[in-house]
Amino acid sequence: MADDTLNVMAVVGSLNKSAITRQVINHIAERMRGPGVDVDVLDLLAEPLALFNPDIAREAEGFSGLKQRVERADVYILGTPDYHGSISSAMKNFLDHFWHEFAGKLFVTIVASHEKGLTVTDQLRTVARQCYAWTLPYGASFSDQLDFKDGQIVNEGFKQRLEMMMQDARTYGRVLAQQRKNDLAGTAPGFMAKHRR
């Protein structure tokens, strides 16, 4: 971590202009920004990615800049709606564009769902595991009908869960970022060894 700053990338995985997912991610970004924490919001509606094509995606205009942002992040806060018990196509497409960039870092999951979003959270954890990333041992889910009114969080339990999640993202994000830095600079065996340059 350069200058001991925790770099967080918060991804809005909804293309709906009025998505509550966007409001929640922006709420988290505002609450987390501060001394020692930098938050980069990637809104896939405002910054669309072409459908992943492994033959040409890495040469696409704007990809190198996005890759730098993804590489800089220590923590990824991933917000997605629950579509048929799965992550959104926009979120899946974002995740498909990267792999090694996620290794040794922390995934934090936020799911907009009328149910509990458990299968969606499990899918994000599967992606993290396949990319050698870590996840918090829990996710947060919400329903716009129960948890929001006039753009504000009205469910106190959800608000407290978000506060806990943000605290854990800061705490464990720092621990993992420091360990990742040590692993990349060291010579000990471990799964990060193959990422050494």
Protein backbone atom coordinates (compact mmCIF):
# COMPACT_ATOMS: atom_id res chain seq x y z
CA MET A 1 0.00 0.00 0.00
CA ALA A 2 1.57 3.22 -1.11
CA ASP A 3 1.69 5.72 1.78
CA ASP A 4 -0.37 3.30 3.91
CA THR A 5 -3.50 4.33 1.99
CA LEU A 6 -6.17 1.66 1.67
CA ASN A 7 -7.41 1.75 -1.93
CA VAL A 8 -11.02 0.65 -2.35
CA MET A 9 -12.78 0.11 -5.66
CA ALA A 10 -16.57 0.21 -5.31
CA VAL A 11 -18.31 -1.25 -8.36
CA VAL A 12 -21.92 -0.45 -9.30
CA GLY A 13 -23.07 -3.54 -11.17
CA SER A 14 -26.49 -2.22 -12.20
CA LEU A 15 -27.28 -0.49 -15.49
CA ASN A 16 -30.64 0.74 -14.20
CA LYS A 17 -30.51 4.55 -14.01
CA SER A 18 -32.56 4.62 -10.81
CA ALA A 19 -30.91 1.59 -9.20
CA ILE A 20 -30.86 1.43 -5.42
CA THR A 21 -27.59 -0.51 -5.81
CA ARG A 22 -25.97 2.72 -7.04
CA GLN A 23 -27.34 4.65 -4.06
CA VAL A 24 -26.00 2.05 -1.62
CA ILE A 25 -22.56 1.95 -3.26
CA ASN A 26 -22.36 5.76 -3.27
CA HIS A 27 -23.44 5.81 0.39
CA ILE A 28 -20.66 3.36 1.25
CA ALA A 29 -18.11 5.33 -0.78
CA GLU A 30 -18.99 8.56 1.03
CA ARG A 31 -18.83 6.88 4.44
CA MET A 32 -15.52 5.13 3.78
CA ARG A 33 -13.63 8.04 2.24
CA GLY A 34 -11.38 9.77 4.69
CA PRO A 35 -7.88 9.82 6.11
CA GLY A 36 -6.03 6.73 4.94
CA VAL A 37 -8.84 5.46 2.69
CA ASP A 38 -9.26 6.30 -0.99
CA VAL A 39 -12.43 5.12 -2.74
CA ASP A 40 -12.71 4.83 -6.52
CA VAL A 41 -16.31 4.28 -7.70
CA LEU A 42 -16.65 2.37 -10.96
CA ASP A 43 -20.21 2.83 -12.19
CA LEU A 44 -20.70 0.47 -15.12
CA LEU A 45 -23.58 2.59 -16.42
CA ALA A 46 -21.34 5.67 -16.69
CA GLU A 47 -18.26 3.67 -17.72
CA PRO A 48 -19.57 0.78 -19.82
CA LEU A 49 -17.35 -2.15 -20.75
CA ALA A 50 -17.76 -3.96 -24.05
CA LEU A 51 -18.74 -7.60 -23.74
CA PHE A 52 -15.62 -9.50 -22.79
CA ASN A 53 -13.83 -10.97 -25.78
CA PRO A 54 -10.49 -12.49 -24.74
CA ASP A 55 -9.02 -11.86 -28.19
CA ILE A 56 -9.49 -8.09 -28.18
CA ALA A 57 -10.62 -6.88 -24.72
CA ARG A 58 -7.16 -5.93 -23.48
CA GLU A 59 -6.52 -3.76 -26.53
CA ALA A 60 -9.82 -1.89 -26.23
CA GLU A 61 -9.79 1.87 -25.76
CA GLY A 62 -9.71 2.77 -22.08
CA PHE A 63 -8.84 -0.74 -20.88
CA SER A 64 -5.29 0.05 -19.77
CA GLY A 65 -6.55 2.90 -17.57
CA LEU A 66 -9.20 0.68 -16.00
CA LYS A 67 -6.63 -2.09 -15.48
CA GLN A 68 -4.44 0.37 -13.54
CA ARG A 69 -7.40 1.31 -11.34
CA VAL A 70 -8.23 -2.35 -10.68
CA GLU A 71 -4.59 -3.16 -9.91
CA ARG A 72 -4.33 -0.23 -7.49
CA ALA A 73 -7.29 -1.46 -5.42
CA ASP A 74 -6.77 -3.43 -2.20
CA VAL A 75 -10.50 -4.00 -1.63
CA TYR A 76 -13.36 -4.49 -4.11
CA ILE A 77 -16.86 -3.63 -2.92
CA LEU A 78 -19.12 -5.32 -5.45
CA GLY A 79 -22.72 -4.17 -5.65
CA THR A 80 -25.11 -6.10 -7.87
CA PRO A 81 -28.81 -6.72 -8.25
CA ASP A 82 -30.08 -10.29 -7.94
CA TYR A 83 -31.19 -11.35 -11.43
CA HIS A 84 -32.76 -14.84 -11.40
CA GLY A 85 -30.57 -15.80 -8.45
CA SER A 86 -27.42 -14.65 -10.23
CA ILE A 87 -25.15 -11.62 -10.51
CA SER A 88 -25.93 -9.00 -13.14
CA SER A 89 -24.46 -9.36 -16.61
CA ALA A 90 -22.64 -6.04 -16.11
CA MET A 91 -20.93 -7.33 -12.95
CA LYS A 92 -20.06 -10.68 -14.56
CA ASN A 93 -18.62 -8.85 -17.56
CA PHE A 94 -16.47 -6.63 -15.32
CA LEU A 95 -15.16 -9.65 -13.40
CA ASP A 96 -14.44 -11.53 -16.65
CA HIS A 97 -12.01 -8.78 -17.73
CA PHE A 98 -9.62 -9.43 -14.81
CA TRP A 99 -7.99 -12.28 -12.92
CA HIS A 100 -4.45 -11.84 -11.55
CA GLU A 101 -5.37 -8.30 -10.50
CA PHE A 102 -7.69 -9.73 -7.81
CA ALA A 103 -5.20 -12.17 -6.23
CA GLY A 104 -4.59 -11.69 -2.51
CA LYS A 105 -7.16 -8.90 -2.21
CA LEU A 106 -10.53 -8.62 -0.46
CA PHE A 107 -14.01 -8.93 -2.03
CA VAL A 108 -16.97 -7.38 -0.18
CA THR A 109 -20.44 -8.25 -1.51
CA ILE A 110 -23.62 -6.14 -1.57
CA VAL A 111 -26.75 -7.60 -3.20
CA ALA A 112 -30.08 -5.95 -4.02
CA SER A 113 -32.58 -8.77 -3.65
CA HIS A 114 -36.21 -9.35 -2.70
CA GLU A 115 -34.92 -12.51 -1.08
CA LYS A 116 -31.57 -12.75 0.73
CA GLY A 117 -29.31 -12.81 -2.31
CA LEU A 118 -27.49 -15.86 -0.98
CA THR A 119 -26.85 -17.51 -4.36
CA VAL A 120 -25.54 -14.20 -5.73
CA THR A 121 -23.17 -13.81 -2.78
CA ASP A 122 -22.03 -17.40 -3.29
CA GLN A 123 -21.29 -16.70 -6.96
CA LEU A 124 -19.16 -13.68 -6.07
CA ARG A 125 -17.31 -15.81 -3.52
CA THR A 126 -16.71 -18.44 -6.20
CA VAL A 127 -15.18 -15.80 -8.48
CA ALA A 128 -12.98 -14.60 -5.62
CA ARG A 129 -11.80 -18.14 -4.88
CA GLN A 130 -11.04 -18.83 -8.55
CA CYS A 131 -8.97 -15.63 -8.68
CA TYR A 132 -7.14 -16.36 -5.39
CA ALA A 133 -8.88 -13.47 -3.62
CA TRP A 134 -10.38 -13.36 -0.12
CA THR A 135 -13.95 -12.51 0.88
CA LEU A 136 -15.58 -11.32 4.06
CA PRO A 137 -17.33 -14.27 5.72
CA TYR A 138 -20.71 -12.57 5.18
CA GLY A 139 -22.44 -10.35 2.66
CA ALA A 140 -25.10 -7.66 2.88
CA SER A 141 -28.39 -7.77 1.05
CA PHE A 142 -31.23 -5.32 0.90
CA SER A 143 -34.64 -4.76 -0.63
CA ASP A 144 -35.69 -1.40 -1.98
CA GLN A 145 -39.21 -1.98 -0.66
CA LEU A 146 -38.10 -2.62 2.92
CA ASP A 147 -34.82 -0.81 3.37
CA PHE A 148 -35.22 2.45 1.43
CA LYS A 149 -37.57 5.39 1.33
CA ASP A 150 -36.99 8.56 -0.64
CA GLY A 151 -33.41 7.51 -1.34
CA GLN A 152 -32.55 7.02 2.34
CA ILE A 153 -31.73 3.88 4.29
CA VAL A 154 -34.64 3.41 6.68
CA ASN A 155 -33.88 -0.07 8.01
CA GLU A 156 -31.72 0.35 11.11
CA GLY A 157 -30.55 -3.27 10.96
CA PHE A 158 -29.30 -2.84 7.39
CA LYS A 159 -27.62 0.44 8.31
CA GLN A 160 -25.77 -1.28 11.18
CA ARG A 161 -24.78 -4.18 8.94
CA LEU A 162 -23.28 -1.72 6.43
CA GLU A 163 -21.34 0.00 9.22
CA MET A 164 -19.98 -3.36 10.34
CA MET A 165 -19.12 -4.27 6.74
CA MET A 166 -17.29 -0.99 6.14
CA GLN A 167 -15.32 -1.41 9.36
CA ASP A 168 -14.39 -4.97 8.43
CA ALA A 169 -13.45 -3.90 4.90
CA ARG A 170 -11.07 -1.29 6.34
CA THR A 171 -9.61 -3.62 8.98
CA TYR A 172 -9.16 -6.80 6.96
CA GLY A 173 -8.42 -4.90 3.78
CA ARG A 174 -5.38 -3.38 5.50
CA VAL A 175 -4.25 -6.71 6.95
CA LEU A 176 -4.48 -8.46 3.58
CA ALA A 177 -2.88 -5.56 1.70
CA GLN A 178 0.11 -5.58 4.04
CA GLN A 179 0.47 -9.35 3.80
CA ARG A 180 0.17 -9.21 0.02
CA LYS A 181 2.91 -6.57 -0.09
CA ASN A 182 5.13 -8.72 2.14
CA ASP A 183 4.44 -11.84 0.08
CA LEU A 184 5.26 -10.11 -3.18
CA ALA A 185 8.49 -8.67 -1.77
CA GLY A 186 9.59 -11.87 0.00
CA THR A 187 10.84 -15.30 -0.92
CA ALA A 188 8.63 -17.55 1.22
CA PRO A 189 6.42 -20.06 -0.59
CA GLY A 190 2.75 -19.27 -0.89
CA PHE A 191 0.06 -18.66 -3.45
CA MET A 192 1.28 -15.09 -4.10
CA ALA A 193 4.74 -16.36 -5.12
CA LYS A 194 3.66 -16.81 -8.73
CA HIS A 195 2.71 -13.12 -8.86
CA ARG A 196 6.22 -11.90 -8.02
CA ARG A 197 7.99 -9.93 -10.73
